[in-house]
Amino acid sequence: MYKFSKWLQTTEYKNHSVAVASADASFRKYYRLSFENQSVLLMDSSLEKHSLVPFLDVTQRLLDAGVNAPSILERNLEEGFLILKDFGNVHYLNVLNDENYKTLYSDAIDTIVSMQKAEVSGLPLYDKKFLHVEMDLMQDWYLEKLLSLTLTQTQKELIKTLLDAISDVVLEQPQGVFVHRDFHSRNIMLTPQNKIGVIDYQDAMNGAITYDLVSLLKDCYIEFPREKTLKLVLEFRDKKGLQTDDKTFIKWFDFMGLQRHIKVLGIFSRLFLRDGKDGYLKDIPLTLKYVLDTASRYDETKELAKMLEKCELDSRVESENDGNLL
């Protein structure tokens, strides 16, 4: 018996079979309801009912902007359930390869351009304070908790200085656009009609123009060569009609990537340590690789790359020493 079984009997989907579809990094769960080759998706947000109102709000903003977000078919806000249009079970991550990535990413870039036409009034602002709230997760959850490091005051001050330099560049670029915040290969669906379906956007904010582009092209779950990625970065710039030179726009993109991946190091660590979700540990090496590679390219952040490499080394040495003592 599912939590939603009683409510489901009051809807037109009462005769549908129920199967687990997926769960995400939050406490939401998804179930596929099927009947006679037709299916819909049930979102169970009973453990975080507060997320439903933002989800409904952002869904409407995207639909109004012509983005293919799932339409809402039934709702039970009191208990925390929604029934949504089903985009199927093919994610970008399932199909991306060296042959099709250019076409698929170009389509996804078009979707970002459309998303950035969505209304942003009333959405939380991605300002300097929030950029730092996110980046601070790295020190707390990744360096100090996951790697079990005790940072010196000098290291802490260096981190603060470097993160300030990153947020300064992030805020140089155009702001005030809709930011999905998690627009990557696991949250982009390829529908049976071969169209993009956008999901998991309830935490949208009003922020920088390159954020979703970074989520897409510097994906923590799949990697493509930098030279190919940068061509797509400039394709986005041109589709937006921005008169920004290549070097400047790529730097905006790279520093936005630093902000995001520094945050994600903390989030993946927290998902494991606090929430018991160890599946994200395998994605930390690629996330760290992005940070080290990008930070080493710019004078403002070279010290960050050196410091993180040292922290990784210190943590490995300490673990080896602990192992020798056992």
Protein backbone atom coordinates (compact mmCIF):
# COMPACT_ATOMS: atom_id res chain seq x y z
CA MET A 1 0.00 0.00 0.00
CA TYR A 2 1.47 3.34 -1.11
CA LYS A 3 0.95 6.58 0.81
CA PHE A 4 -1.05 7.94 -2.10
CA SER A 5 -3.20 4.85 -2.72
CA LYS A 6 -6.34 6.19 -1.04
CA TRP A 7 -6.14 9.53 -2.85
CA LEU A 8 -5.40 7.84 -6.17
CA GLN A 9 -8.77 6.07 -5.93
CA THR A 10 -10.48 9.48 -6.14
CA THR A 11 -8.81 10.29 -9.48
CA GLU A 12 -9.29 9.10 -13.03
CA TYR A 13 -6.05 7.12 -12.66
CA LYS A 14 -7.44 4.71 -10.01
CA ASN A 15 -7.18 1.71 -12.34
CA HIS A 16 -3.59 2.39 -13.39
CA SER A 17 -0.83 0.02 -12.32
CA VAL A 18 1.91 1.56 -10.15
CA ALA A 19 5.67 1.12 -10.58
CA VAL A 20 8.58 2.97 -9.03
CA ALA A 21 10.05 5.38 -11.59
CA SER A 22 12.90 7.11 -9.77
CA ALA A 23 14.05 9.09 -6.76
CA ASP A 24 16.21 12.20 -6.84
CA ALA A 25 18.74 13.86 -4.54
CA SER A 26 15.94 15.30 -2.41
CA PHE A 27 13.23 13.33 -0.62
CA ARG A 28 10.89 13.28 -3.62
CA LYS A 29 9.93 9.97 -5.21
CA TYR A 30 8.35 9.29 -8.59
CA TYR A 31 5.98 6.53 -9.67
CA ARG A 32 4.79 5.63 -13.16
CA LEU A 33 1.05 5.00 -13.42
CA SER A 34 0.19 2.90 -16.50
CA PHE A 35 -3.02 1.79 -18.20
CA GLU A 36 -3.52 0.46 -21.74
CA ASN A 37 -0.16 1.73 -23.10
CA GLN A 38 -0.75 5.17 -21.57
CA SER A 39 1.24 6.44 -18.61
CA VAL A 40 1.52 9.42 -16.29
CA LEU A 41 3.94 10.24 -13.50
CA LEU A 42 3.06 10.61 -9.84
CA MET A 43 5.34 12.83 -7.76
CA ASP A 44 5.39 11.95 -4.07
CA SER A 45 6.58 15.01 -2.16
CA SER A 46 4.91 14.01 1.09
CA LEU A 47 8.22 14.40 2.95
CA GLU A 48 8.75 17.92 1.63
CA LYS A 49 5.34 19.35 0.89
CA HIS A 50 6.77 22.87 0.94
CA SER A 51 8.43 22.17 -2.42
CA LEU A 52 5.14 21.75 -4.29
CA VAL A 53 4.09 25.40 -4.44
CA PRO A 54 7.43 26.49 -5.96
CA PHE A 55 7.22 23.54 -8.37
CA LEU A 56 3.76 24.58 -9.57
CA ASP A 57 4.82 28.22 -9.86
CA VAL A 58 7.96 27.48 -11.87
CA THR A 59 6.16 24.94 -14.05
CA GLN A 60 3.72 27.62 -15.14
CA ARG A 61 6.52 30.12 -15.81
CA LEU A 62 8.23 27.59 -18.09
CA LEU A 63 5.05 26.60 -19.89
CA ASP A 64 4.27 30.29 -20.46
CA ALA A 65 7.75 30.68 -22.02
CA GLY A 66 7.12 27.81 -24.42
CA VAL A 67 9.37 25.34 -22.60
CA ASN A 68 8.32 21.69 -22.59
CA ALA A 69 7.76 21.25 -18.86
CA PRO A 70 5.32 18.57 -17.63
CA SER A 71 1.74 19.75 -17.42
CA ILE A 72 -0.01 19.15 -14.08
CA LEU A 73 -2.88 16.66 -14.41
CA GLU A 74 -3.93 16.23 -10.77
CA ARG A 75 -2.84 17.79 -7.48
CA ASN A 76 -3.16 17.07 -3.77
CA LEU A 77 -1.14 19.76 -2.03
CA GLU A 78 -2.40 18.84 1.43
CA GLU A 79 -0.81 15.39 1.31
CA GLY A 80 2.01 16.27 -1.10
CA PHE A 81 1.14 14.51 -4.37
CA LEU A 82 1.02 15.60 -8.02
CA ILE A 83 0.24 13.68 -11.18
CA LEU A 84 2.22 14.93 -14.16
CA LYS A 85 2.60 14.39 -17.86
CA ASP A 86 5.06 11.55 -18.45
CA PHE A 87 8.09 12.29 -20.63
CA GLY A 88 9.18 8.65 -20.60
CA ASN A 89 12.38 7.26 -19.10
CA VAL A 90 15.07 8.28 -21.59
CA HIS A 91 17.43 10.87 -20.13
CA TYR A 92 20.11 12.69 -22.10
CA LEU A 93 22.66 10.70 -20.11
CA ASN A 94 21.25 7.48 -21.59
CA VAL A 95 21.88 8.51 -25.20
CA LEU A 96 24.71 11.07 -25.35
CA ASN A 97 27.77 9.96 -27.33
CA ASP A 98 30.54 11.40 -29.50
CA GLU A 99 28.37 11.24 -32.60
CA ASN A 100 25.20 12.95 -31.37
CA TYR A 101 26.37 15.28 -28.59
CA LYS A 102 26.66 18.32 -30.90
CA THR A 103 23.06 17.99 -32.08
CA LEU A 104 21.66 17.14 -28.66
CA TYR A 105 23.57 19.94 -26.92
CA SER A 106 22.56 22.48 -29.58
CA ASP A 107 18.94 21.53 -28.94
CA ALA A 108 19.48 21.87 -25.20
CA ILE A 109 21.08 25.29 -25.73
CA ASP A 110 17.94 26.35 -27.59
CA THR A 111 15.97 25.23 -24.54
CA ILE A 112 18.15 27.39 -22.26
CA VAL A 113 17.51 30.37 -24.51
CA SER A 114 13.77 29.68 -24.19
CA MET A 115 13.99 29.19 -20.41
CA GLN A 116 15.74 32.54 -20.09
CA LYS A 117 12.61 34.17 -21.52
CA ALA A 118 10.59 32.95 -18.53
CA GLU A 119 9.30 35.49 -16.03
CA VAL A 120 11.70 35.92 -13.08
CA SER A 121 9.82 38.36 -10.86
CA GLY A 122 9.47 36.92 -7.39
CA LEU A 123 12.14 34.27 -7.85
CA PRO A 124 14.97 34.26 -5.27
CA LEU A 125 17.99 36.30 -6.36
CA TYR A 126 21.30 34.57 -7.09
CA ASP A 127 23.31 37.37 -5.47
CA LYS A 128 26.81 37.42 -4.00
CA LYS A 129 25.60 36.27 -0.60
CA PHE A 130 23.87 33.20 -2.03
CA LEU A 131 26.80 32.37 -4.32
CA HIS A 132 28.94 32.18 -1.18
CA VAL A 133 26.40 30.23 0.87
CA GLU A 134 26.70 27.56 -1.82
CA MET A 135 30.48 27.67 -2.21
CA ASP A 136 30.98 27.46 1.55
CA LEU A 137 29.60 23.92 1.40
CA MET A 138 32.93 22.79 -0.04
CA GLN A 139 34.96 23.74 3.03
CA ASP A 140 32.39 22.44 5.48
CA TRP A 141 31.31 19.14 3.91
CA TYR A 142 34.08 18.21 1.47
CA LEU A 143 37.34 19.40 3.00
CA GLU A 144 36.57 19.24 6.71
CA LYS A 145 34.05 16.40 6.90
CA LEU A 146 34.64 14.08 3.93
CA LEU A 147 38.43 14.50 3.75
CA SER A 148 38.66 14.93 7.56
CA LEU A 149 41.06 17.85 7.25
CA THR A 150 41.74 20.49 9.88
CA LEU A 151 42.36 23.68 7.92
CA THR A 152 44.77 26.30 9.16
CA GLN A 153 43.64 29.90 9.55
CA THR A 154 45.85 30.76 6.57
CA GLN A 155 44.08 28.17 4.43
CA LYS A 156 40.65 29.44 5.50
CA GLU A 157 41.59 33.02 4.65
CA LEU A 158 42.98 31.92 1.29
CA ILE A 159 39.74 30.10 0.49
CA LYS A 160 37.72 33.20 1.37
CA THR A 161 39.87 35.40 -0.87
CA LEU A 162 39.69 32.98 -3.79
CA LEU A 163 35.93 32.50 -3.51
CA ASP A 164 35.51 36.28 -3.49
CA ALA A 165 37.47 36.48 -6.73
CA ILE A 166 35.20 33.85 -8.28
CA SER A 167 31.94 35.53 -7.30
CA ASP A 168 33.23 38.90 -8.53
CA VAL A 169 33.69 37.50 -12.05
CA VAL A 170 30.36 35.64 -11.92
CA LEU A 171 28.61 38.93 -11.17
CA GLU A 172 30.35 40.75 -14.04
CA GLN A 173 28.21 38.88 -16.58
CA PRO A 174 24.60 39.69 -17.46
CA GLN A 175 22.17 38.79 -14.66
CA GLY A 176 18.41 38.75 -14.27
CA VAL A 177 17.53 35.61 -16.23
CA PHE A 178 15.69 32.43 -15.25
CA VAL A 179 18.14 29.86 -13.84
CA HIS A 180 17.00 26.22 -13.69
CA ARG A 181 20.00 25.45 -11.42
CA ASP A 182 20.28 21.76 -12.35
CA PHE A 183 20.02 21.61 -16.13
CA HIS A 184 22.16 18.54 -16.82
CA SER A 185 21.94 15.17 -18.55
CA ARG A 186 19.93 13.52 -15.77
CA ASN A 187 17.30 16.26 -15.79
CA ILE A 188 16.85 16.56 -19.54
CA MET A 189 14.43 14.02 -20.95
CA LEU A 190 14.18 12.90 -24.55
CA THR A 191 10.47 12.31 -25.09
CA PRO A 192 9.01 9.61 -27.38
CA GLN A 193 8.47 12.47 -29.86
CA ASN A 194 12.24 13.15 -29.73
CA LYS A 195 11.75 16.50 -28.02
CA ILE A 196 13.41 17.84 -24.90
CA GLY A 197 11.41 17.57 -21.69
CA VAL A 198 12.63 19.66 -18.75
CA ILE A 199 12.28 18.39 -15.16
CA ASP A 200 13.50 19.07 -11.59
CA TYR A 201 13.36 22.87 -11.80
CA GLN A 202 11.49 23.78 -8.60
CA ASP A 203 14.58 25.47 -7.10
CA ALA A 204 14.83 27.99 -9.96
CA MET A 205 16.29 31.42 -9.25
CA ASN A 206 16.99 34.75 -10.90
CA GLY A 207 20.66 34.82 -11.78
CA ALA A 208 23.57 34.75 -14.23
CA ILE A 209 23.33 34.08 -17.93
CA THR A 210 25.86 31.20 -18.01
CA TYR A 211 24.67 29.14 -15.03
CA ASP A 212 22.48 26.64 -16.90
CA LEU A 213 25.00 26.53 -19.74
CA VAL A 214 27.64 25.37 -17.25
CA SER A 215 25.27 22.76 -15.81
CA LEU A 216 24.75 21.44 -19.33
CA LEU A 217 28.26 21.56 -20.79
CA LYS A 218 30.33 20.87 -17.65
CA ASP A 219 28.07 18.06 -16.52
CA CYS A 220 29.15 16.24 -13.36
CA TYR A 221 28.01 12.92 -14.86
CA ILE A 222 29.53 13.00 -18.36
CA GLU A 223 32.48 14.82 -19.93
CA PHE A 224 33.37 15.95 -23.45
CA PRO A 225 36.62 17.59 -24.67
CA ARG A 226 37.07 21.23 -23.72
CA GLU A 227 37.72 22.44 -27.25
CA LYS A 228 34.38 21.03 -28.39
CA THR A 229 32.63 22.40 -25.32
CA LEU A 230 33.92 25.92 -25.96
CA LYS A 231 32.47 25.91 -29.48
CA LEU A 232 29.08 25.24 -27.91
CA VAL A 233 29.67 27.96 -25.32
CA LEU A 234 30.17 30.50 -28.11
CA GLU A 235 27.19 29.07 -29.99
CA PHE A 236 25.06 29.95 -26.96
CA ARG A 237 26.51 33.46 -26.85
CA ASP A 238 25.68 33.96 -30.52
CA LYS A 239 22.15 32.59 -30.13
CA LYS A 240 21.64 35.08 -27.31
CA GLY A 241 22.91 37.87 -29.54
CA LEU A 242 25.57 39.00 -27.05
CA GLN A 243 28.35 41.25 -28.33
CA THR A 244 30.93 39.88 -25.90
CA ASP A 245 34.40 38.81 -27.09
CA ASP A 246 35.36 35.12 -26.95
CA LYS A 247 37.90 35.44 -24.12
CA THR A 248 35.57 37.36 -21.83
CA PHE A 249 32.58 35.10 -22.39
CA ILE A 250 34.63 31.93 -21.89
CA LYS A 251 35.98 33.39 -18.64
CA TRP A 252 32.45 34.11 -17.46
CA PHE A 253 31.53 30.52 -18.30
CA ASP A 254 34.60 29.10 -16.57
CA PHE A 255 34.15 31.10 -13.36
CA MET A 256 30.48 30.21 -13.23
CA GLY A 257 31.64 26.60 -13.54
CA LEU A 258 34.02 27.08 -10.62
CA GLN A 259 31.21 28.39 -8.45
CA ARG A 260 28.93 25.50 -9.37
CA HIS A 261 31.48 22.73 -9.01
CA ILE A 262 32.88 24.05 -5.74
CA LYS A 263 29.31 23.95 -4.43
CA VAL A 264 28.72 20.46 -5.85
CA LEU A 265 31.80 19.06 -4.09
CA GLY A 266 30.08 20.06 -0.86
CA ILE A 267 26.66 18.80 -1.94
CA PHE A 268 27.86 15.37 -3.06
CA SER A 269 29.78 15.01 0.21
CA ARG A 270 26.72 16.06 2.23
CA LEU A 271 24.44 13.65 0.36
CA PHE A 272 26.74 10.85 1.46
CA LEU A 273 27.56 11.94 5.01
CA ARG A 274 24.22 13.40 6.09
CA ASP A 275 21.68 11.64 3.87
CA GLY A 276 23.35 8.25 3.43
CA LYS A 277 23.33 8.49 -0.39
CA ASP A 278 26.69 7.04 -1.44
CA GLY A 279 25.89 6.98 -5.18
CA TYR A 280 27.23 10.50 -5.63
CA LEU A 281 30.72 9.70 -4.32
CA LYS A 282 31.71 8.29 -7.72
CA ASP A 283 30.91 11.67 -9.30
CA ILE A 284 33.28 13.65 -7.08
CA PRO A 285 36.45 12.90 -9.16
CA LEU A 286 35.02 14.48 -12.34
CA THR A 287 33.65 17.42 -10.37
CA LEU A 288 37.06 17.96 -8.77
CA LYS A 289 38.74 17.60 -12.16
CA TYR A 290 36.63 20.45 -13.51
CA VAL A 291 37.64 22.66 -10.57
CA LEU A 292 41.34 21.88 -10.81
CA ASP A 293 41.48 22.24 -14.59
CA THR A 294 39.61 25.54 -14.64
CA ALA A 295 41.25 27.08 -11.59
CA SER A 296 44.71 26.37 -12.98
CA ARG A 297 43.93 28.39 -16.14
CA TYR A 298 43.47 31.78 -14.46
CA ASP A 299 45.82 33.88 -12.36
CA GLU A 300 43.03 34.73 -9.90
CA THR A 301 42.43 31.07 -9.05
CA LYS A 302 45.70 29.19 -9.55
CA GLU A 303 46.23 29.11 -5.79
CA LEU A 304 42.89 27.36 -5.39
CA ALA A 305 44.03 24.51 -7.63
CA LYS A 306 47.29 24.20 -5.67
CA MET A 307 45.50 24.23 -2.33
CA LEU A 308 42.92 21.61 -3.33
CA GLU A 309 45.61 19.34 -4.75
CA LYS A 310 47.49 19.63 -1.45
CA CYS A 311 44.33 18.89 0.54
CA GLU A 312 43.69 15.79 -1.55
CA LEU A 313 47.27 14.62 -1.02
CA ASP A 314 47.17 15.32 2.73
CA SER A 315 43.92 13.39 3.04
CA ARG A 316 45.34 10.39 1.16
CA VAL A 317 48.49 10.36 3.28
CA GLU A 318 46.47 10.56 6.48
CA SER A 319 44.21 7.70 5.33
CA GLU A 320 47.22 5.56 4.45
CA ASN A 321 48.81 6.27 7.82
CA ASP A 322 45.59 5.37 9.62
CA GLY A 323 45.50 2.14 7.63
CA ASN A 324 49.06 1.30 8.64
CA LEU A 325 48.14 1.70 12.28
CA LEU A 326 45.31 -0.85 12.09
